[in-house]
Every structure is written in C-alpha cells, then in structure tokens.
Amino acid sequence: MFPSLYSIFSPPEQVASQIIVVVVVLVVIVVVVIVVVVVVVVVVAAVIVVVVVIVAVKVLVVVAVAVIVVVVVVVAAIVVAVIVVVVVVAVKVLVVVAVAE
C-alpha cells in the first residue's frame, strides 16, 4: 500500500550529483559576488584617488601661485628699497656738492 522510502527519494547517486551541482552553483555565485565586490571597491578607490589627486593638484597650483606672488612682492619691495636708497644717496651727494660750492 505504502510506497517504500527508496521509491520516494531519488537514488543516492542522483542525490549526490544534485548536491554537487548545487554546491558548484553556490560556489560560482559566491565567486561572482566576490569579484563584483572587489571590482566595485577598486573602482571606488580609483575614483577617490583621482579626486584626491585633482584636489592635491589644485592645492599645489594655489600654493605655487601664492609662492610666486610672495616672491614677486618681495623682489618688488627689494627693488623699491634699492631705488629709494639710491635716490636718498644721490640727493645727499647733490646737497653736499651744492653746499660745497
């Protein structure tokens, strides 16, 4: 009347092959997920590095421009100071020459 357990379930060889197929499919899915996660992490890291490099370059450009401006201002101040000293010395010499005459 009742079917035997052997007739209800698949033969052991078929069950084993089905388990192997399921395990292989699960391993493939896990590997694909890991690869996708690694690719996403690498892409995000690359984008972050690019953004950091762009920001760093902009900061370096700003710093370079600031340094150039400071150097130009310092050089201009030195030139003006030299011109003032030359003019003062020339005026003193002219005054001395004028007084001597």
N, C-alpha and C. Protein backbone atom coordinates (compact mmCIF):
# COMPACT_ATOMS: atom_id res chain seq x y z
N MET A 1 0.80 -1.20 0.00
CA MET A 1 0.00 0.00 0.00
C MET A 1 0.84 1.26 0.00
N PHE A 2 1.76 1.30 0.96
CA PHE A 2 2.60 2.50 1.07
C PHE A 2 3.85 2.33 0.23
N PRO A 3 4.23 3.36 -0.48
CA PRO A 3 5.48 3.23 -1.26
C PRO A 3 6.68 3.18 -0.32
N SER A 4 7.65 2.48 -0.72
CA SER A 4 8.85 2.39 0.13
C SER A 4 9.61 3.70 0.05
N LEU A 5 10.44 3.95 1.07
CA LEU A 5 11.24 5.18 1.11
C LEU A 5 12.16 5.25 -0.10
N TYR A 6 12.65 4.09 -0.54
CA TYR A 6 13.58 4.09 -1.67
C TYR A 6 12.91 4.62 -2.93
N SER A 7 11.61 4.34 -3.10
CA SER A 7 10.93 4.80 -4.31
C SER A 7 10.54 6.27 -4.20
N ILE A 8 10.41 6.79 -2.97
CA ILE A 8 10.05 8.21 -2.81
C ILE A 8 11.24 9.11 -3.17
N PHE A 9 12.41 8.76 -2.65
CA PHE A 9 13.60 9.60 -2.87
C PHE A 9 14.36 9.13 -4.09
N SER A 10 15.14 10.03 -4.63
CA SER A 10 15.97 9.68 -5.78
C SER A 10 17.04 8.70 -5.34
N PRO A 11 17.58 7.99 -6.28
CA PRO A 11 18.69 7.08 -5.92
C PRO A 11 19.87 7.87 -5.36
N PRO A 12 20.66 7.29 -4.46
CA PRO A 12 21.76 8.02 -3.81
C PRO A 12 22.74 8.65 -4.79
N GLU A 13 23.02 7.98 -5.91
CA GLU A 13 23.96 8.54 -6.88
C GLU A 13 23.42 9.85 -7.46
N GLN A 14 22.11 9.87 -7.76
CA GLN A 14 21.50 11.07 -8.33
C GLN A 14 21.47 12.20 -7.29
N VAL A 15 21.18 11.85 -6.04
CA VAL A 15 21.18 12.87 -4.98
C VAL A 15 22.58 13.46 -4.83
N ALA A 16 23.59 12.63 -4.85
CA ALA A 16 24.96 13.10 -4.72
C ALA A 16 25.31 14.02 -5.87
N SER A 17 24.93 13.67 -7.09
CA SER A 17 25.25 14.53 -8.24
C SER A 17 24.49 15.85 -8.14
N GLN A 18 23.23 15.80 -7.64
CA GLN A 18 22.46 17.03 -7.47
C GLN A 18 23.11 17.93 -6.42
N ILE A 19 23.57 17.33 -5.32
CA ILE A 19 24.25 18.10 -4.27
C ILE A 19 25.51 18.74 -4.83
N ILE A 20 26.27 17.99 -5.63
CA ILE A 20 27.49 18.54 -6.23
C ILE A 20 27.15 19.71 -7.14
N VAL A 21 26.11 19.57 -7.94
CA VAL A 21 25.69 20.66 -8.84
C VAL A 21 25.30 21.89 -8.03
N VAL A 22 24.52 21.69 -6.96
CA VAL A 22 24.10 22.82 -6.12
C VAL A 22 25.31 23.49 -5.49
N VAL A 23 26.24 22.70 -4.98
CA VAL A 23 27.45 23.27 -4.35
C VAL A 23 28.26 24.03 -5.37
N VAL A 24 28.42 23.49 -6.57
CA VAL A 24 29.19 24.18 -7.62
C VAL A 24 28.51 25.49 -7.98
N VAL A 25 27.19 25.46 -8.14
CA VAL A 25 26.45 26.69 -8.47
C VAL A 25 26.62 27.72 -7.36
N LEU A 26 26.50 27.29 -6.11
CA LEU A 26 26.68 28.22 -4.99
C LEU A 26 28.09 28.80 -4.96
N VAL A 27 29.10 27.97 -5.20
CA VAL A 27 30.48 28.44 -5.23
C VAL A 27 30.67 29.45 -6.35
N VAL A 28 30.10 29.18 -7.51
CA VAL A 28 30.20 30.12 -8.64
C VAL A 28 29.53 31.43 -8.29
N ILE A 29 28.35 31.37 -7.67
CA ILE A 29 27.64 32.59 -7.28
C ILE A 29 28.48 33.38 -6.28
N VAL A 30 29.03 32.71 -5.28
CA VAL A 30 29.86 33.39 -4.28
C VAL A 30 31.09 34.03 -4.94
N VAL A 31 31.74 33.30 -5.84
CA VAL A 31 32.92 33.84 -6.52
C VAL A 31 32.54 35.07 -7.35
N VAL A 32 31.41 34.98 -8.07
CA VAL A 32 30.97 36.12 -8.88
C VAL A 32 30.66 37.32 -7.99
N VAL A 33 30.00 37.09 -6.87
CA VAL A 33 29.69 38.19 -5.94
C VAL A 33 30.98 38.81 -5.41
N ILE A 34 31.94 37.96 -5.03
CA ILE A 34 33.22 38.47 -4.52
C ILE A 34 33.94 39.28 -5.59
N VAL A 35 33.96 38.78 -6.81
CA VAL A 35 34.61 39.51 -7.91
C VAL A 35 33.93 40.86 -8.14
N VAL A 36 32.60 40.88 -8.13
CA VAL A 36 31.87 42.13 -8.33
C VAL A 36 32.18 43.11 -7.20
N VAL A 37 32.19 42.62 -5.95
CA VAL A 37 32.50 43.49 -4.82
C VAL A 37 33.92 44.04 -4.94
N VAL A 38 34.87 43.18 -5.30
CA VAL A 38 36.26 43.63 -5.45
C VAL A 38 36.37 44.68 -6.56
N VAL A 39 35.69 44.45 -7.68
CA VAL A 39 35.72 45.41 -8.79
C VAL A 39 35.13 46.74 -8.35
N VAL A 40 34.00 46.68 -7.65
CA VAL A 40 33.36 47.92 -7.18
C VAL A 40 34.29 48.65 -6.21
N VAL A 41 34.91 47.92 -5.29
CA VAL A 41 35.83 48.55 -4.33
C VAL A 41 37.02 49.17 -5.07
N VAL A 42 37.56 48.47 -6.05
CA VAL A 42 38.69 49.01 -6.80
C VAL A 42 38.28 50.26 -7.57
N VAL A 43 37.11 50.23 -8.19
CA VAL A 43 36.64 51.41 -8.94
C VAL A 43 36.43 52.59 -8.00
N VAL A 44 35.79 52.34 -6.86
CA VAL A 44 35.56 53.41 -5.89
C VAL A 44 36.90 53.96 -5.39
N ALA A 45 37.84 53.06 -5.10
CA ALA A 45 39.16 53.50 -4.64
C ALA A 45 39.85 54.32 -5.73
N ALA A 46 39.74 53.90 -6.97
CA ALA A 46 40.35 54.65 -8.07
C ALA A 46 39.73 56.04 -8.20
N VAL A 47 38.41 56.11 -8.08
CA VAL A 47 37.73 57.41 -8.15
C VAL A 47 38.19 58.31 -7.01
N ILE A 48 38.29 57.73 -5.80
CA ILE A 48 38.75 58.51 -4.65
C ILE A 48 40.18 59.00 -4.88
N VAL A 49 41.04 58.13 -5.40
CA VAL A 49 42.43 58.54 -5.66
C VAL A 49 42.47 59.66 -6.70
N VAL A 50 41.67 59.53 -7.75
CA VAL A 50 41.64 60.57 -8.79
C VAL A 50 41.17 61.90 -8.20
N VAL A 51 40.11 61.85 -7.39
CA VAL A 51 39.60 63.08 -6.77
C VAL A 51 40.66 63.68 -5.85
N VAL A 52 41.31 62.84 -5.06
CA VAL A 52 42.36 63.34 -4.15
C VAL A 52 43.50 63.95 -4.94
N VAL A 53 43.90 63.31 -6.04
CA VAL A 53 44.98 63.86 -6.86
C VAL A 53 44.57 65.19 -7.48
N ILE A 54 43.33 65.27 -7.97
CA ILE A 54 42.86 66.53 -8.56
C ILE A 54 42.85 67.64 -7.50
N VAL A 55 42.34 67.32 -6.32
CA VAL A 55 42.32 68.32 -5.24
C VAL A 55 43.75 68.70 -4.86
N ALA A 56 44.64 67.71 -4.77
CA ALA A 56 46.02 67.99 -4.41
C ALA A 56 46.69 68.88 -5.46
N VAL A 57 46.42 68.60 -6.74
CA VAL A 57 46.99 69.42 -7.81
C VAL A 57 46.46 70.85 -7.71
N LYS A 58 45.15 70.98 -7.44
CA LYS A 58 44.59 72.33 -7.31
C LYS A 58 45.23 73.05 -6.13
N VAL A 59 45.40 72.34 -5.02
CA VAL A 59 46.04 72.96 -3.85
C VAL A 59 47.47 73.34 -4.18
N LEU A 60 48.18 72.45 -4.88
CA LEU A 60 49.57 72.76 -5.25
C LEU A 60 49.63 73.96 -6.18
N VAL A 61 48.68 74.05 -7.10
CA VAL A 61 48.65 75.21 -8.01
C VAL A 61 48.40 76.48 -7.21
N VAL A 62 47.45 76.43 -6.28
CA VAL A 62 47.18 77.60 -5.45
C VAL A 62 48.40 77.98 -4.63
N VAL A 63 49.06 76.98 -4.05
CA VAL A 63 50.27 77.24 -3.26
C VAL A 63 51.37 77.80 -4.15
N ALA A 64 51.52 77.22 -5.34
CA ALA A 64 52.55 77.72 -6.26
C ALA A 64 52.28 79.16 -6.66
N VAL A 65 51.03 79.47 -6.96
CA VAL A 65 50.68 80.85 -7.31
C VAL A 65 50.94 81.78 -6.13
N ALA A 66 50.58 81.33 -4.93
CA ALA A 66 50.82 82.15 -3.74
C ALA A 66 52.32 82.39 -3.53
N VAL A 67 53.11 81.35 -3.72
CA VAL A 67 54.57 81.49 -3.57
C VAL A 67 55.12 82.45 -4.62
N ILE A 68 54.64 82.31 -5.85
CA ILE A 68 55.10 83.22 -6.92
C ILE A 68 54.73 84.65 -6.58
N VAL A 69 53.50 84.86 -6.10
CA VAL A 69 53.07 86.22 -5.74
C VAL A 69 53.95 86.76 -4.62
N VAL A 70 54.20 85.95 -3.61
CA VAL A 70 55.06 86.40 -2.49
C VAL A 70 56.45 86.73 -2.98
N VAL A 71 57.01 85.89 -3.84
CA VAL A 71 58.36 86.15 -4.37
C VAL A 71 58.37 87.45 -5.17
N VAL A 72 57.35 87.64 -6.01
CA VAL A 72 57.28 88.87 -6.82
C VAL A 72 57.17 90.09 -5.92
N VAL A 73 56.33 89.99 -4.88
CA VAL A 73 56.16 91.13 -3.96
C VAL A 73 57.47 91.42 -3.22
N VAL A 74 58.14 90.37 -2.77
CA VAL A 74 59.41 90.56 -2.05
C VAL A 74 60.45 91.17 -2.98
N VAL A 75 60.56 90.66 -4.19
CA VAL A 75 61.52 91.21 -5.16
C VAL A 75 61.17 92.67 -5.47
N ALA A 76 59.89 92.94 -5.65
CA ALA A 76 59.48 94.33 -5.93
C ALA A 76 59.82 95.24 -4.74
N ALA A 77 59.61 94.74 -3.53
CA ALA A 77 59.94 95.53 -2.34
C ALA A 77 61.44 95.79 -2.27
N ILE A 78 62.24 94.78 -2.58
CA ILE A 78 63.71 94.96 -2.57
C ILE A 78 64.12 95.98 -3.63
N VAL A 79 63.54 95.87 -4.82
CA VAL A 79 63.87 96.82 -5.89
C VAL A 79 63.49 98.24 -5.48
N VAL A 80 62.29 98.40 -4.90
CA VAL A 80 61.86 99.73 -4.45
C VAL A 80 62.79 100.24 -3.36
N ALA A 81 63.18 99.37 -2.42
CA ALA A 81 64.09 99.79 -1.36
C ALA A 81 65.44 100.23 -1.93
N VAL A 82 65.95 99.48 -2.90
CA VAL A 82 67.22 99.86 -3.53
C VAL A 82 67.09 101.20 -4.24
N ILE A 83 65.97 101.36 -4.96
CA ILE A 83 65.76 102.65 -5.66
C ILE A 83 65.68 103.80 -4.66
N VAL A 84 64.97 103.60 -3.55
CA VAL A 84 64.87 104.64 -2.52
C VAL A 84 66.25 104.97 -1.95
N VAL A 85 67.04 103.95 -1.65
CA VAL A 85 68.39 104.18 -1.11
C VAL A 85 69.23 104.93 -2.12
N VAL A 86 69.17 104.54 -3.39
CA VAL A 86 69.95 105.23 -4.43
C VAL A 86 69.51 106.68 -4.54
N VAL A 87 68.22 106.94 -4.52
CA VAL A 87 67.71 108.31 -4.62
C VAL A 87 68.15 109.12 -3.40
N VAL A 88 68.05 108.55 -2.21
CA VAL A 88 68.46 109.27 -0.99
C VAL A 88 69.94 109.59 -1.04
N VAL A 89 70.76 108.61 -1.42
CA VAL A 89 72.21 108.85 -1.51
C VAL A 89 72.49 109.91 -2.57
N ALA A 90 71.81 109.84 -3.69
CA ALA A 90 72.04 110.84 -4.75
C ALA A 90 71.65 112.23 -4.27
N VAL A 91 70.54 112.34 -3.57
CA VAL A 91 70.12 113.65 -3.04
C VAL A 91 71.15 114.16 -2.04
N LYS A 92 71.64 113.28 -1.18
CA LYS A 92 72.66 113.71 -0.20
C LYS A 92 73.92 114.18 -0.90
N VAL A 93 74.32 113.44 -1.92
CA VAL A 93 75.52 113.83 -2.67
C VAL A 93 75.29 115.18 -3.32
N LEU A 94 74.12 115.36 -3.94
CA LEU A 94 73.82 116.66 -4.58
C LEU A 94 73.80 117.77 -3.55
N VAL A 95 73.25 117.51 -2.37
CA VAL A 95 73.21 118.53 -1.32
C VAL A 95 74.62 118.87 -0.87
N VAL A 96 75.44 117.86 -0.69
CA VAL A 96 76.83 118.09 -0.27
C VAL A 96 77.56 118.88 -1.34
N VAL A 97 77.37 118.48 -2.60
CA VAL A 97 78.04 119.21 -3.70
C VAL A 97 77.55 120.64 -3.77
N ALA A 98 76.24 120.83 -3.59
CA ALA A 98 75.67 122.18 -3.66
C ALA A 98 76.18 123.03 -2.50
N VAL A 99 76.28 122.46 -1.33
CA VAL A 99 76.77 123.22 -0.17
C VAL A 99 78.24 123.53 -0.35
N ALA A 100 78.99 122.61 -0.91
CA ALA A 100 80.43 122.82 -1.09
C ALA A 100 80.69 123.95 -2.08
N GLU A 101 79.82 124.14 -3.02
CA GLU A 101 80.04 125.19 -4.00
C GLU A 101 79.59 126.47 -3.39
